Amino acid sequence: MTVDPKLGPAAGGPGATVSAQPDMTPPRHPLTKLALFLDLDGTLAPIANTPNQACVPSTTLVLLRHLHNACNGAVAIISGRDAPDIDRMLSPLTLPCAALHGAHVRNTQGQVKRVAIDHDALTGIASALARDAASMPGTLLERKALSVAFHYRNAPHLAAQVQASVLRALAHHGHSFDLQKGKMVVEIKPRGVSKGTAVSAFMSTPPFSGRMALMAGDDLTDESAFAAVNAMDGITIKIGGGPTQARSRLPNPEALRAWLASLPSA
């Protein structure tokens, strides 16, 4: 794989920039040799003002079905969303997934493994954040099965206040939870889980094991997965700008779709 020299190293840092048309030569490995791990929002679906407005384009859904078949099932969605949300966005497809940043993992047979959490503590966190959100117009509190996300995309001037609110809630209730920053969101997730641990777990089981891992993502939450795949000497693709451990970049979900469609089937 090559990277546009104008990008510099995609590992991030002050010198990292994004080219409108980075030179990404598709790997020589056919899809039958690849294990694909794909983030959802900002990677397969364009970012929307609210989580409920996000939508995966129909052309991407068609491509995902092709990739799933060509990879013999070795395609998984790695997302911070709840599993039902992932399934809704990908309908009629149902793919293996690591939902909630790896706290909920569904394998190719549909078997689910979820981390155990202190639900009373999570309820306490959500209640504290809801009180704060009521005084922060434009913010959105999203309660998930095993986590809570505090969005400020429509109120970017409140970023510091949102983060302070989350830190207070963690200090009072969150001894078994961690803070996870993202694009215009701060999330509280179960301690010890990450997209990186989820990808590593997938890679230890069929049909993913023995293949070259490919991870594409756009956000801070994807960095642990980039690190895991880099350690496997796999392929890591950052979508959009910002410092990253990924070794390559593409500018947007449309470019990723075109690039994935160009990969050889055999």
Protein backbone atom coordinates (compact mmCIF):
# COMPACT_ATOMS: atom_id res chain seq x y z
CA MET A 1 0.00 0.00 0.00
CA THR A 2 1.23 3.51 -0.73
CA VAL A 3 0.22 6.84 0.69
CA ASP A 4 0.25 10.20 -1.05
CA PRO A 5 3.55 11.83 -0.09
CA LYS A 6 1.65 15.09 0.47
CA LEU A 7 0.02 13.43 3.47
CA GLY A 8 3.20 12.71 5.30
CA PRO A 9 2.96 9.86 7.79
CA ALA A 10 -0.65 9.20 8.72
CA ALA A 11 0.42 8.49 12.26
CA GLY A 12 -0.64 12.03 13.14
CA GLY A 13 1.19 14.93 14.65
CA PRO A 14 1.68 18.53 13.60
CA GLY A 15 2.81 17.66 10.08
CA ALA A 16 -0.07 15.35 9.21
CA THR A 17 -2.42 16.77 6.58
CA VAL A 18 -5.16 15.36 4.40
CA SER A 19 -5.00 15.32 0.62
CA ALA A 20 -8.22 15.57 -1.38
CA GLN A 21 -7.10 12.54 -3.39
CA PRO A 22 -4.67 10.43 -1.39
CA ASP A 23 -2.91 7.75 -3.40
CA MET A 24 -4.04 4.49 -1.85
CA THR A 25 -3.10 1.48 -3.92
CA PRO A 26 -5.44 -1.41 -3.02
CA PRO A 27 -3.64 -4.29 -1.32
CA ARG A 28 -2.74 -7.20 -3.56
CA HIS A 29 -4.60 -9.59 -1.30
CA PRO A 30 -7.98 -10.65 -2.70
CA LEU A 31 -11.09 -10.20 -0.57
CA THR A 32 -10.98 -13.94 0.19
CA LYS A 33 -7.79 -13.20 2.17
CA LEU A 34 -9.04 -10.10 4.02
CA ALA A 35 -10.94 -9.56 7.26
CA LEU A 36 -12.80 -6.24 7.08
CA PHE A 37 -13.57 -4.19 10.19
CA LEU A 38 -15.60 -1.07 9.47
CA ASP A 39 -16.79 1.76 11.69
CA LEU A 40 -20.29 3.06 10.98
CA ASP A 41 -20.84 6.79 11.57
CA GLY A 42 -18.41 8.93 9.60
CA THR A 43 -17.03 5.86 7.84
CA LEU A 44 -19.89 4.00 6.15
CA ALA A 45 -22.51 6.66 6.91
CA PRO A 46 -21.98 10.42 6.65
CA ILE A 47 -22.06 12.25 10.00
CA ALA A 48 -25.52 13.67 10.81
CA ASN A 49 -26.65 16.36 13.25
CA THR A 50 -28.20 13.73 15.54
CA PRO A 51 -27.63 9.95 15.77
CA ASN A 52 -31.17 9.18 14.58
CA GLN A 53 -30.63 11.13 11.35
CA ALA A 54 -27.62 9.10 10.21
CA CYS A 55 -28.20 6.82 7.23
CA VAL A 56 -26.09 4.32 5.29
CA PRO A 57 -26.49 4.97 1.53
CA SER A 58 -28.20 2.21 -0.44
CA THR A 59 -25.12 1.87 -2.66
CA THR A 60 -23.04 1.14 0.43
CA LEU A 61 -25.51 -1.51 1.59
CA VAL A 62 -25.22 -3.23 -1.79
CA LEU A 63 -21.43 -3.09 -1.51
CA LEU A 64 -21.49 -4.52 2.03
CA ARG A 65 -23.47 -7.52 0.82
CA HIS A 66 -20.89 -8.07 -1.93
CA LEU A 67 -17.99 -7.72 0.51
CA HIS A 68 -19.61 -10.11 2.98
CA ASN A 69 -20.02 -12.75 0.28
CA ALA A 70 -16.57 -12.21 -1.25
CA CYS A 71 -14.87 -12.35 2.17
CA ASN A 72 -16.74 -15.54 3.10
CA GLY A 73 -18.39 -13.72 6.00
CA ALA A 74 -15.27 -12.02 7.39
CA VAL A 75 -16.83 -8.55 7.62
CA ALA A 76 -17.72 -6.95 10.96
CA ILE A 77 -19.07 -3.57 12.02
CA ILE A 78 -17.09 -1.93 14.84
CA SER A 79 -19.23 0.86 16.29
CA GLY A 80 -20.17 2.81 19.38
CA ARG A 81 -23.84 2.32 18.58
CA ASP A 82 -26.18 -0.21 20.17
CA ALA A 83 -26.56 -3.45 18.20
CA PRO A 84 -30.25 -2.77 17.35
CA ASP A 85 -29.20 0.62 15.95
CA ILE A 86 -26.52 -1.03 13.81
CA ASP A 87 -29.03 -3.54 12.48
CA ARG A 88 -31.56 -0.79 11.74
CA MET A 89 -29.02 1.18 9.74
CA LEU A 90 -27.84 -1.87 7.79
CA SER A 91 -31.25 -3.48 7.21
CA PRO A 92 -31.85 -5.92 5.58
CA LEU A 93 -28.26 -7.01 6.30
CA THR A 94 -27.32 -8.51 9.67
CA LEU A 95 -23.55 -8.58 10.11
CA PRO A 96 -21.23 -9.60 12.92
CA CYS A 97 -20.60 -6.55 15.08
CA ALA A 98 -18.82 -5.08 18.05
CA ALA A 99 -21.38 -2.63 19.39
CA LEU A 100 -20.91 -0.10 22.20
CA HIS A 101 -17.15 0.10 21.57
CA GLY A 102 -16.76 -3.64 22.08
CA ALA A 103 -18.98 -4.07 25.16
CA HIS A 104 -21.47 -6.08 23.06
CA VAL A 105 -20.03 -8.51 20.48
CA ARG A 106 -22.08 -10.65 18.08
CA ASN A 107 -20.25 -13.32 16.10
CA THR A 108 -21.00 -14.78 12.69
CA GLN A 109 -23.37 -17.36 14.22
CA GLY A 110 -25.38 -14.64 15.94
CA GLN A 111 -24.07 -15.53 19.41
CA VAL A 112 -23.76 -12.49 21.68
CA LYS A 113 -21.24 -11.74 24.43
CA ARG A 114 -21.83 -8.68 26.61
CA VAL A 115 -19.68 -7.35 29.42
CA ALA A 116 -21.23 -7.24 32.88
CA ILE A 117 -21.72 -3.74 34.26
CA ASP A 118 -23.10 -1.99 37.34
CA HIS A 119 -26.47 -0.91 35.94
CA ASP A 120 -27.32 1.10 39.07
CA ALA A 121 -24.13 3.10 38.62
CA LEU A 122 -24.91 3.68 34.95
CA THR A 123 -28.40 4.88 35.88
CA GLY A 124 -26.87 7.28 38.40
CA ILE A 125 -24.51 8.61 35.75
CA ALA A 126 -27.33 9.05 33.24
CA SER A 127 -29.51 10.86 35.79
CA ALA A 128 -26.72 13.26 36.72
CA LEU A 129 -25.97 14.00 33.07
CA ALA A 130 -29.66 14.47 32.28
CA ARG A 131 -29.91 17.17 34.95
CA ASP A 132 -26.94 18.98 33.44
CA ALA A 133 -28.18 18.53 29.87
CA ALA A 134 -31.45 20.25 30.78
CA SER A 135 -29.51 23.48 31.30
CA MET A 136 -27.40 23.12 28.13
CA PRO A 137 -29.62 23.88 25.10
CA GLY A 138 -28.51 22.10 21.95
CA THR A 139 -26.90 19.15 23.72
CA LEU A 140 -28.27 15.61 23.46
CA LEU A 141 -28.00 12.83 26.01
CA GLU A 142 -28.12 9.34 24.49
CA ARG A 143 -28.71 6.45 26.90
CA LYS A 144 -27.52 3.13 25.51
CA ALA A 145 -27.72 -0.39 26.91
CA LEU A 146 -24.23 -0.33 28.45
CA SER A 147 -23.09 3.28 28.06
CA VAL A 148 -24.16 6.92 27.94
CA ALA A 149 -23.19 9.47 25.28
CA PHE A 150 -23.39 13.25 25.78
CA HIS A 151 -23.50 14.95 22.35
CA TYR A 152 -22.76 18.63 21.71
CA ARG A 153 -22.59 18.74 17.89
CA ASN A 154 -25.35 21.37 17.83
CA ALA A 155 -23.80 23.33 20.72
CA PRO A 156 -20.02 23.22 20.15
CA HIS A 157 -19.46 26.18 22.47
CA LEU A 158 -20.51 23.91 25.37
CA ALA A 159 -17.72 21.36 24.81
CA ALA A 160 -15.88 22.20 28.03
CA GLN A 161 -19.08 22.17 30.09
CA VAL A 162 -20.13 18.80 28.68
CA GLN A 163 -16.76 17.28 29.49
CA ALA A 164 -16.82 18.74 33.01
CA SER A 165 -20.30 17.28 33.53
CA VAL A 166 -19.13 13.82 32.45
CA LEU A 167 -16.07 13.99 34.70
CA ARG A 168 -18.24 14.91 37.69
CA ALA A 169 -20.61 12.04 36.99
CA LEU A 170 -17.70 9.62 36.69
CA ALA A 171 -16.21 10.84 39.96
CA HIS A 172 -19.46 10.17 41.83
CA HIS A 173 -20.74 7.00 40.13
CA GLY A 174 -18.31 5.71 37.56
CA HIS A 175 -15.67 3.61 39.28
CA SER A 176 -16.19 0.81 36.75
CA PHE A 177 -16.51 3.08 33.72
CA ASP A 178 -14.16 5.08 31.51
CA LEU A 179 -14.47 8.35 29.60
CA GLN A 180 -14.27 8.10 25.81
CA LYS A 181 -13.96 11.26 23.74
CA GLY A 182 -15.25 11.41 20.18
CA LYS A 183 -16.27 13.90 17.52
CA MET A 184 -18.59 16.35 19.30
CA VAL A 185 -19.42 13.73 21.93
CA VAL A 186 -18.14 12.52 25.27
CA GLU A 187 -19.15 9.00 26.23
CA ILE A 188 -19.04 6.86 29.34
CA LYS A 189 -18.34 3.20 28.55
CA PRO A 190 -17.52 0.07 30.58
CA ARG A 191 -13.93 -0.06 31.75
CA GLY A 192 -11.59 -2.35 29.86
CA VAL A 193 -13.46 -2.52 26.56
CA SER A 194 -12.37 -0.93 23.31
CA LYS A 195 -12.67 -1.37 19.58
CA GLY A 196 -9.13 -2.70 19.64
CA THR A 197 -9.95 -5.55 22.02
CA ALA A 198 -13.02 -6.36 19.91
CA VAL A 199 -11.04 -6.56 16.67
CA SER A 200 -8.42 -8.77 18.34
CA ALA A 201 -11.15 -11.10 19.58
CA PHE A 202 -12.68 -11.38 16.12
CA MET A 203 -9.26 -12.13 14.61
CA SER A 204 -8.86 -15.14 16.90
CA THR A 205 -11.95 -16.89 15.51
CA PRO A 206 -13.14 -18.09 12.08
CA PRO A 207 -13.80 -16.79 9.48
CA PHE A 208 -11.56 -13.85 10.49
CA SER A 209 -8.54 -15.79 11.75
CA GLY A 210 -5.69 -16.33 9.33
CA ARG A 211 -6.62 -13.31 7.21
CA MET A 212 -5.13 -9.85 6.85
CA ALA A 213 -7.09 -7.39 9.00
CA LEU A 214 -8.33 -4.12 7.50
CA MET A 215 -9.80 -1.43 9.78
CA ALA A 216 -11.43 1.80 8.57
CA GLY A 217 -12.65 4.49 10.95
CA ASP A 218 -12.91 8.23 11.42
CA ASP A 219 -12.84 9.02 15.13
CA LEU A 220 -10.80 8.86 18.32
CA THR A 221 -12.75 5.75 19.28
CA ASP A 222 -11.17 3.93 16.32
CA GLU A 223 -7.58 4.56 17.39
CA SER A 224 -7.38 1.47 19.61
CA ALA A 225 -8.51 -0.64 16.64
CA PHE A 226 -5.92 1.01 14.41
CA ALA A 227 -3.24 0.15 16.97
CA ALA A 228 -4.40 -3.46 17.17
CA VAL A 229 -4.47 -3.91 13.40
CA ASN A 230 -1.11 -2.18 12.96
CA ALA A 231 0.35 -4.67 15.45
CA MET A 232 -0.94 -7.44 13.16
CA ASP A 233 0.72 -5.74 10.17
CA GLY A 234 -2.72 -5.13 8.72
CA ILE A 235 -4.27 -2.22 6.81
CA THR A 236 -5.54 0.85 8.68
CA ILE A 237 -7.46 3.68 7.02
CA LYS A 238 -8.39 6.97 8.66
CA ILE A 239 -11.44 8.66 7.14
CA GLY A 240 -11.02 12.45 7.18
CA GLY A 241 -8.61 14.66 9.07
CA GLY A 242 -6.95 14.66 12.45
CA PRO A 243 -3.98 12.96 14.08
CA THR A 244 -4.14 9.18 13.88
CA GLN A 245 -2.24 5.92 14.18
CA ALA A 246 -3.73 4.74 10.89
CA ARG A 247 -1.22 4.27 8.09
CA SER A 248 -3.45 5.56 5.28
CA ARG A 249 -6.25 8.07 4.74
CA LEU A 250 -9.30 8.66 2.61
CA PRO A 251 -11.19 11.95 2.71
CA ASN A 252 -14.78 10.79 3.29
CA PRO A 253 -17.19 7.81 3.30
CA GLU A 254 -17.79 8.15 -0.45
CA ALA A 255 -14.08 7.70 -1.13
CA LEU A 256 -13.96 4.67 1.14
CA ARG A 257 -16.92 3.12 -0.67
CA ALA A 258 -15.20 3.59 -4.03
CA TRP A 259 -11.93 2.20 -2.69
CA LEU A 260 -13.55 -0.88 -1.18
CA ALA A 261 -15.45 -1.49 -4.42
CA SER A 262 -12.12 -1.52 -6.27
CA LEU A 263 -10.66 -4.40 -4.25
CA PRO A 264 -10.24 -7.61 -6.26
CA SER A 265 -12.64 -10.43 -5.44
CA ALA A 266 -10.09 -13.15 -6.16
